PDB file of all heavy atoms in Angstrom:
ATOM      1  N   GLN A   1       5.084   7.938 -14.520  1.00  0.00           N
ATOM      2  CA  GLN A   1       6.522   8.128 -14.371  1.00  0.00           C
ATOM      3  C   GLN A   1       6.972   7.582 -13.025  1.00  0.00           C
ATOM      4  O   GLN A   1       6.224   7.586 -12.055  1.00  0.00           O
ATOM      5  CB  GLN A   1       6.872   9.612 -14.480  1.00  0.00           C
ATOM      6  CG  GLN A   1       6.427  10.264 -15.784  1.00  0.00           C
ATOM      7  CD  GLN A   1       6.696  11.752 -15.792  1.00  0.00           C
ATOM      8  OE1 GLN A   1       7.599  12.239 -15.125  1.00  0.00           O
ATOM      9  NE2 GLN A   1       5.890  12.492 -16.556  1.00  0.00           N
ATOM     10  N   VAL A   2       8.228   7.160 -12.968  1.00  0.00           N
ATOM     11  CA  VAL A   2       8.735   6.549 -11.747  1.00  0.00           C
ATOM     12  C   VAL A   2       8.971   7.592 -10.660  1.00  0.00           C
ATOM     13  O   VAL A   2       8.501   7.462  -9.533  1.00  0.00           O
ATOM     14  CB  VAL A   2      10.037   5.770 -12.031  1.00  0.00           C
ATOM     15  CG1 VAL A   2      10.578   5.163 -10.745  1.00  0.00           C
ATOM     16  CG2 VAL A   2       9.786   4.690 -13.069  1.00  0.00           C
ATOM     17  N   GLY A   3       9.710   8.646 -10.964  1.00  0.00           N
ATOM     18  CA  GLY A   3      10.005   9.659  -9.957  1.00  0.00           C
ATOM     19  C   GLY A   3      10.869   9.103  -8.843  1.00  0.00           C
ATOM     20  O   GLY A   3      11.699   8.209  -9.041  1.00  0.00           O
ATOM     21  N   GLU A   4      10.645   9.599  -7.632  1.00  0.00           N
ATOM     22  CA  GLU A   4      11.422   9.137  -6.477  1.00  0.00           C
ATOM     23  C   GLU A   4      10.990   7.721  -6.106  1.00  0.00           C
ATOM     24  O   GLU A   4       9.801   7.418  -6.029  1.00  0.00           O
ATOM     25  CB  GLU A   4      11.189  10.079  -5.297  1.00  0.00           C
ATOM     26  CG  GLU A   4      12.038   9.764  -4.083  1.00  0.00           C
ATOM     27  CD  GLU A   4      11.830  10.754  -2.945  1.00  0.00           C
ATOM     28  OE1 GLU A   4      11.168  11.785  -3.184  1.00  0.00           O
ATOM     29  OE2 GLU A   4      12.323  10.491  -1.829  1.00  0.00           O
ATOM     30  N   THR A   5      11.971   6.846  -5.878  1.00  0.00           N
ATOM     31  CA  THR A   5      11.666   5.444  -5.596  1.00  0.00           C
ATOM     32  C   THR A   5      11.865   5.126  -4.110  1.00  0.00           C
ATOM     33  O   THR A   5      12.512   5.872  -3.371  1.00  0.00           O
ATOM     34  CB  THR A   5      12.546   4.507  -6.433  1.00  0.00           C
ATOM     35  OG1 THR A   5      13.927   4.731  -6.113  1.00  0.00           O
ATOM     36  CG2 THR A   5      12.320   4.747  -7.924  1.00  0.00           C
ATOM     37  N   MET A   6      11.292   4.003  -3.711  1.00  0.00           N
ATOM     38  CA  MET A   6      11.440   3.490  -2.357  1.00  0.00           C
ATOM     39  C   MET A   6      12.061   2.101  -2.405  1.00  0.00           C
ATOM     40  O   MET A   6      11.957   1.395  -3.414  1.00  0.00           O
ATOM     41  CB  MET A   6      10.068   3.379  -1.676  1.00  0.00           C
ATOM     42  CG  MET A   6       9.323   4.670  -1.487  1.00  0.00           C
ATOM     43  SD  MET A   6       7.669   4.413  -0.735  1.00  0.00           S
ATOM     44  CE  MET A   6       6.748   3.802  -2.168  1.00  0.00           C
ATOM     45  N   SER A   7      12.660   1.692  -1.316  1.00  0.00           N
ATOM     46  CA  SER A   7      13.045   0.294  -1.176  1.00  0.00           C
ATOM     47  C   SER A   7      11.773  -0.506  -0.929  1.00  0.00           C
ATOM     48  O   SER A   7      10.707   0.052  -0.617  1.00  0.00           O
ATOM     49  CB  SER A   7      14.008   0.116  -0.006  1.00  0.00           C
ATOM     50  OG  SER A   7      13.339   0.361   1.227  1.00  0.00           O
ATOM     51  N   ALA A   8      11.874  -1.820  -1.045  1.00  0.00           N
ATOM     52  CA  ALA A   8      10.694  -2.657  -0.802  1.00  0.00           C
ATOM     53  C   ALA A   8      10.202  -2.504   0.636  1.00  0.00           C
ATOM     54  O   ALA A   8       8.988  -2.454   0.885  1.00  0.00           O
ATOM     55  CB  ALA A   8      11.026  -4.112  -1.103  1.00  0.00           C
ATOM     56  N   SER A   9      11.123  -2.400   1.581  1.00  0.00           N
ATOM     57  CA  SER A   9      10.711  -2.248   2.984  1.00  0.00           C
ATOM     58  C   SER A   9      10.066  -0.892   3.219  1.00  0.00           C
ATOM     59  O   SER A   9       9.090  -0.777   3.981  1.00  0.00           O
ATOM     60  CB  SER A   9      11.910  -2.447   3.918  1.00  0.00           C
ATOM     61  OG  SER A   9      12.934  -1.510   3.638  1.00  0.00           O
ATOM     62  N   GLU A  10      10.582   0.150   2.577  1.00  0.00           N
ATOM     63  CA  GLU A  10       9.965   1.472   2.696  1.00  0.00           C
ATOM     64  C   GLU A  10       8.560   1.474   2.082  1.00  0.00           C
ATOM     65  O   GLU A  10       7.629   2.063   2.640  1.00  0.00           O
ATOM     66  CB  GLU A  10      10.840   2.517   2.011  1.00  0.00           C
ATOM     67  CG  GLU A  10      12.137   2.821   2.745  1.00  0.00           C
ATOM     68  CD  GLU A  10      13.084   3.684   1.933  1.00  0.00           C
ATOM     69  OE1 GLU A  10      12.978   3.689   0.681  1.00  0.00           O
ATOM     70  OE2 GLU A  10      13.942   4.350   2.547  1.00  0.00           O
ATOM     71  N   ALA A  11       8.416   0.816   0.936  1.00  0.00           N
ATOM     72  CA  ALA A  11       7.107   0.747   0.277  1.00  0.00           C
ATOM     73  C   ALA A  11       6.113  -0.040   1.124  1.00  0.00           C
ATOM     74  O   ALA A  11       4.927   0.305   1.192  1.00  0.00           O
ATOM     75  CB  ALA A  11       7.250   0.117  -1.109  1.00  0.00           C
ATOM     76  N   HIS A  12       6.604  -1.089   1.779  1.00  0.00           N
ATOM     77  CA  HIS A  12       5.748  -1.871   2.672  1.00  0.00           C
ATOM     78  C   HIS A  12       5.215  -0.984   3.790  1.00  0.00           C
ATOM     79  O   HIS A  12       3.998  -0.916   4.039  1.00  0.00           O
ATOM     80  CB  HIS A  12       6.545  -3.048   3.242  1.00  0.00           C
ATOM     81  CG  HIS A  12       5.782  -3.910   4.200  1.00  0.00           C
ATOM     82  ND1 HIS A  12       6.364  -4.976   4.851  1.00  0.00           N
ATOM     83  CD2 HIS A  12       4.497  -3.858   4.648  1.00  0.00           C
ATOM     84  CE1 HIS A  12       5.453  -5.545   5.640  1.00  0.00           C
ATOM     85  NE2 HIS A  12       4.327  -4.882   5.537  1.00  0.00           N
ATOM     86  N   ALA A  13       6.120  -0.276   4.456  1.00  0.00           N
ATOM     87  CA  ALA A  13       5.710   0.581   5.568  1.00  0.00           C
ATOM     88  C   ALA A  13       4.770   1.686   5.089  1.00  0.00           C
ATOM     89  O   ALA A  13       3.786   2.012   5.769  1.00  0.00           O
ATOM     90  CB  ALA A  13       6.947   1.186   6.232  1.00  0.00           C
ATOM     91  N   TYR A  14       5.059   2.241   3.928  1.00  0.00           N
ATOM     92  CA  TYR A  14       4.243   3.349   3.421  1.00  0.00           C
ATOM     93  C   TYR A  14       2.827   2.886   3.095  1.00  0.00           C
ATOM     94  O   TYR A  14       1.847   3.522   3.505  1.00  0.00           O
ATOM     95  CB  TYR A  14       4.893   3.948   2.172  1.00  0.00           C
ATOM     96  CG  TYR A  14       4.082   5.084   1.588  1.00  0.00           C
ATOM     97  CD1 TYR A  14       4.182   6.358   2.116  1.00  0.00           C
ATOM     98  CD2 TYR A  14       3.188   4.869   0.546  1.00  0.00           C
ATOM     99  CE1 TYR A  14       3.412   7.409   1.619  1.00  0.00           C
ATOM    100  CE2 TYR A  14       2.415   5.901   0.043  1.00  0.00           C
ATOM    101  CZ  TYR A  14       2.532   7.172   0.584  1.00  0.00           C
ATOM    102  OH  TYR A  14       1.758   8.193   0.085  1.00  0.00           O
ATOM    103  N   HIS A  15       2.692   1.802   2.353  1.00  0.00           N
ATOM    104  CA  HIS A  15       1.367   1.381   1.885  1.00  0.00           C
ATOM    105  C   HIS A  15       0.570   0.617   2.927  1.00  0.00           C
ATOM    106  O   HIS A  15      -0.644   0.439   2.761  1.00  0.00           O
ATOM    107  CB  HIS A  15       1.515   0.543   0.611  1.00  0.00           C
ATOM    108  CG  HIS A  15       1.876   1.358  -0.592  1.00  0.00           C
ATOM    109  ND1 HIS A  15       1.018   2.292  -1.141  1.00  0.00           N
ATOM    110  CD2 HIS A  15       3.012   1.403  -1.334  1.00  0.00           C
ATOM    111  CE1 HIS A  15       1.605   2.859  -2.189  1.00  0.00           C
ATOM    112  NE2 HIS A  15       2.809   2.347  -2.324  1.00  0.00           N
ATOM    113  N   GLN A  16       1.234   0.172   4.023  1.00  0.00           N
ATOM    114  CA  GLN A  16       0.495  -0.555   5.051  1.00  0.00           C
ATOM    115  C   GLN A  16      -0.642   0.278   5.607  1.00  0.00           C
ATOM    116  O   GLN A  16      -1.727  -0.233   5.925  1.00  0.00           O
ATOM    117  CB  GLN A  16       1.440  -0.969   6.181  1.00  0.00           C
ATOM    118  CG  GLN A  16       0.825  -1.957   7.174  1.00  0.00           C
ATOM    119  CD  GLN A  16       0.630  -3.324   6.543  1.00  0.00           C
ATOM    120  OE1 GLN A  16       1.594  -3.964   6.133  1.00  0.00           O
ATOM    121  NE2 GLN A  16      -0.617  -3.773   6.452  1.00  0.00           N
ATOM    122  N   GLU A  17      -0.412   1.588   5.724  1.00  0.00           N
ATOM    123  CA  GLU A  17      -1.430   2.475   6.276  1.00  0.00           C
ATOM    124  C   GLU A  17      -2.733   2.404   5.485  1.00  0.00           C
ATOM    125  O   GLU A  17      -3.815   2.181   6.054  1.00  0.00           O
ATOM    126  CB  GLU A  17      -0.905   3.913   6.277  1.00  0.00           C
ATOM    127  CG  GLU A  17      -1.877   4.926   6.841  1.00  0.00           C
ATOM    128  CD  GLU A  17      -1.279   6.325   6.877  1.00  0.00           C
ATOM    129  OE1 GLU A  17      -0.838   6.825   5.816  1.00  0.00           O
ATOM    130  OE2 GLU A  17      -1.271   6.920   7.964  1.00  0.00           O
ATOM    131  N   GLN A  18      -2.664   2.572   4.172  1.00  0.00           N
ATOM    132  CA  GLN A  18      -3.889   2.539   3.369  1.00  0.00           C
ATOM    133  C   GLN A  18      -4.473   1.139   3.301  1.00  0.00           C
ATOM    134  O   GLN A  18      -5.702   0.969   3.349  1.00  0.00           O
ATOM    135  CB  GLN A  18      -3.645   3.065   1.961  1.00  0.00           C
ATOM    136  CG  GLN A  18      -4.956   3.179   1.171  1.00  0.00           C
ATOM    137  CD  GLN A  18      -4.768   3.558  -0.284  1.00  0.00           C
ATOM    138  OE1 GLN A  18      -3.641   3.603  -0.786  1.00  0.00           O
ATOM    139  NE2 GLN A  18      -5.865   3.825  -0.975  1.00  0.00           N
ATOM    140  N   VAL A  19      -3.628   0.121   3.177  1.00  0.00           N
ATOM    141  CA  VAL A  19      -4.134  -1.253   3.132  1.00  0.00           C
ATOM    142  C   VAL A  19      -4.943  -1.553   4.382  1.00  0.00           C
ATOM    143  O   VAL A  19      -6.027  -2.145   4.312  1.00  0.00           O
ATOM    144  CB  VAL A  19      -2.969  -2.250   2.959  1.00  0.00           C
ATOM    145  CG1 VAL A  19      -3.439  -3.684   3.237  1.00  0.00           C
ATOM    146  CG2 VAL A  19      -2.388  -2.152   1.549  1.00  0.00           C
ATOM    147  N   ASP A  20      -4.450  -1.138   5.542  1.00  0.00           N
ATOM    148  CA  ASP A  20      -5.176  -1.381   6.792  1.00  0.00           C
ATOM    149  C   ASP A  20      -6.497  -0.615   6.825  1.00  0.00           C
ATOM    150  O   ASP A  20      -7.504  -1.113   7.347  1.00  0.00           O
ATOM    151  CB  ASP A  20      -4.310  -0.993   7.990  1.00  0.00           C
ATOM    152  CG  ASP A  20      -3.164  -1.963   8.224  1.00  0.00           C
ATOM    153  OD1 ASP A  20      -3.203  -3.085   7.663  1.00  0.00           O
ATOM    154  OD2 ASP A  20      -2.212  -1.595   8.945  1.00  0.00           O
ATOM    155  N   MET A  21      -6.495   0.598   6.284  1.00  0.00           N
ATOM    156  CA  MET A  21      -7.744   1.365   6.209  1.00  0.00           C
ATOM    157  C   MET A  21      -8.779   0.649   5.351  1.00  0.00           C
ATOM    158  O   MET A  21      -9.951   0.530   5.722  1.00  0.00           O
ATOM    159  CB  MET A  21      -7.468   2.759   5.624  1.00  0.00           C
ATOM    160  CG  MET A  21      -6.661   3.674   6.504  1.00  0.00           C
ATOM    161  SD  MET A  21      -6.224   5.208   5.616  1.00  0.00           S
ATOM    162  CE  MET A  21      -5.284   6.083   6.878  1.00  0.00           C
ATOM    163  N   LEU A  22      -8.349   0.163   4.196  1.00  0.00           N
ATOM    164  CA  LEU A  22      -9.253  -0.544   3.290  1.00  0.00           C
ATOM    165  C   LEU A  22      -9.747  -1.845   3.919  1.00  0.00           C
ATOM    166  O   LEU A  22     -10.922  -2.206   3.800  1.00  0.00           O
ATOM    167  CB  LEU A  22      -8.547  -0.818   1.964  1.00  0.00           C
ATOM    168  CG  LEU A  22      -8.231   0.420   1.120  1.00  0.00           C
ATOM    169  CD1 LEU A  22      -7.237   0.079   0.020  1.00  0.00           C
ATOM    170  CD2 LEU A  22      -9.505   1.016   0.521  1.00  0.00           C
ATOM    171  N   ALA A  23      -8.845  -2.539   4.610  1.00  0.00           N
ATOM    172  CA  ALA A  23      -9.224  -3.785   5.278  1.00  0.00           C
ATOM    173  C   ALA A  23     -10.285  -3.522   6.344  1.00  0.00           C
ATOM    174  O   ALA A  23     -11.259  -4.278   6.477  1.00  0.00           O
ATOM    175  CB  ALA A  23      -7.998  -4.443   5.897  1.00  0.00           C
ATOM    176  N   SER A  24     -10.141  -2.434   7.086  1.00  0.00           N
ATOM    177  CA  SER A  24     -11.112  -2.130   8.132  1.00  0.00           C
ATOM    178  C   SER A  24     -12.470  -1.763   7.553  1.00  0.00           C
ATOM    179  O   SER A  24     -13.493  -1.895   8.226  1.00  0.00           O
ATOM    180  CB  SER A  24     -10.597  -0.986   9.011  1.00  0.00           C
ATOM    181  OG  SER A  24     -10.564   0.243   8.302  1.00  0.00           O
ATOM    182  N   GLY A  25     -12.475  -1.336   6.284  1.00  0.00           N
ATOM    183  CA  GLY A  25     -13.735  -1.008   5.622  1.00  0.00           C
ATOM    184  C   GLY A  25     -14.409  -2.195   4.969  1.00  0.00           C
ATOM    185  O   GLY A  25     -15.526  -2.071   4.454  1.00  0.00           O
ATOM    186  N   GLY A  26     -13.743  -3.348   4.959  1.00  0.00           N
ATOM    187  CA  GLY A  26     -14.352  -4.550   4.406  1.00  0.00           C
ATOM    188  C   GLY A  26     -13.769  -5.037   3.100  1.00  0.00           C
ATOM    189  O   GLY A  26     -14.371  -5.891   2.428  1.00  0.00           O
ATOM    190  N   ALA A  27     -12.581  -4.545   2.728  1.00  0.00           N
ATOM    191  CA  ALA A  27     -11.944  -5.046   1.504  1.00  0.00           C
ATOM    192  C   ALA A  27     -11.680  -6.543   1.628  1.00  0.00           C
ATOM    193  O   ALA A  27     -11.235  -7.018   2.666  1.00  0.00           O
ATOM    194  CB  ALA A  27     -10.638  -4.307   1.242  1.00  0.00           C
ATOM    195  N   GLU A  28     -11.954  -7.269   0.544  1.00  0.00           N
ATOM    196  CA  GLU A  28     -11.712  -8.711   0.508  1.00  0.00           C
ATOM    197  C   GLU A  28     -10.428  -9.051  -0.211  1.00  0.00           C
ATOM    198  O   GLU A  28      -9.945 -10.174  -0.139  1.00  0.00           O
ATOM    199  CB  GLU A  28     -12.896  -9.406  -0.160  1.00  0.00           C
ATOM    200  CG  GLU A  28     -14.177  -9.254   0.631  1.00  0.00           C
ATOM    201  CD  GLU A  28     -15.407  -9.677  -0.133  1.00  0.00           C
ATOM    202  OE1 GLU A  28     -15.354  -9.754  -1.380  1.00  0.00           O
ATOM    203  OE2 GLU A  28     -16.445  -9.923   0.510  1.00  0.00           O
ATOM    204  N   MET A  29      -9.886  -8.088  -0.932  1.00  0.00           N
ATOM    205  CA  MET A  29      -8.593  -8.231  -1.573  1.00  0.00           C
ATOM    206  C   MET A  29      -8.049  -6.832  -1.817  1.00  0.00           C
ATOM    207  O   MET A  29      -8.767  -5.841  -1.659  1.00  0.00           O
ATOM    208  CB  MET A  29      -8.688  -9.002  -2.904  1.00  0.00           C
ATOM    209  CG  MET A  29      -9.468  -8.290  -3.992  1.00  0.00           C
ATOM    210  SD  MET A  29      -9.447  -9.180  -5.589  1.00  0.00           S
ATOM    211  CE  MET A  29      -7.743  -8.875  -6.116  1.00  0.00           C
ATOM    212  N   ILE A  30      -6.789  -6.756  -2.164  1.00  0.00           N
ATOM    213  CA  ILE A  30      -6.150  -5.496  -2.516  1.00  0.00           C
ATOM    214  C   ILE A  30      -5.688  -5.579  -3.962  1.00  0.00           C
ATOM    215  O   ILE A  30      -5.161  -6.604  -4.398  1.00  0.00           O
ATOM    216  CB  ILE A  30      -4.934  -5.211  -1.606  1.00  0.00           C
ATOM    217  CG1 ILE A  30      -5.375  -5.039  -0.146  1.00  0.00           C
ATOM    218  CG2 ILE A  30      -4.149  -3.989  -2.093  1.00  0.00           C
ATOM    219  CD1 ILE A  30      -6.264  -3.849   0.122  1.00  0.00           C
ATOM    220  N   SER A  31      -5.904  -4.507  -4.706  1.00  0.00           N
ATOM    221  CA  SER A  31      -5.370  -4.404  -6.068  1.00  0.00           C
ATOM    222  C   SER A  31      -4.439  -3.206  -6.121  1.00  0.00           C
ATOM    223  O   SER A  31      -4.858  -2.083  -5.823  1.00  0.00           O
ATOM    224  CB  SER A  31      -6.489  -4.224  -7.104  1.00  0.00           C
ATOM    225  OG  SER A  31      -7.295  -5.370  -7.184  1.00  0.00           O
ATOM    226  N   ALA A  32      -3.189  -3.451  -6.459  1.00  0.00           N
ATOM    227  CA  ALA A  32      -2.219  -2.366  -6.628  1.00  0.00           C
ATOM    228  C   ALA A  32      -2.208  -1.995  -8.100  1.00  0.00           C
ATOM    229  O   ALA A  32      -1.804  -2.796  -8.948  1.00  0.00           O
ATOM    230  CB  ALA A  32      -0.836  -2.816  -6.185  1.00  0.00           C
ATOM    231  N   ILE A  33      -2.653  -0.795  -8.426  1.00  0.00           N
ATOM    232  CA  ILE A  33      -2.839  -0.375  -9.808  1.00  0.00           C
ATOM    233  C   ILE A  33      -1.780   0.656 -10.202  1.00  0.00           C
ATOM    234  O   ILE A  33      -1.434   1.529  -9.432  1.00  0.00           O
ATOM    235  CB  ILE A  33      -4.245   0.238 -10.017  1.00  0.00           C
ATOM    236  CG1 ILE A  33      -5.331  -0.747  -9.550  1.00  0.00           C
ATOM    237  CG2 ILE A  33      -4.463   0.634 -11.464  1.00  0.00           C
ATOM    238  CD1 ILE A  33      -5.441  -1.999 -10.384  1.00  0.00           C
TER     239      ILE A  33
END
């Protein structure tokens, strides 16, 4: 379900945290599922 939505800029700021964590662990790509 969609629920509460974000703007694209809000979503960028929100997900940057986890993406950076995964990158520091050695991720070679990101998959948004």
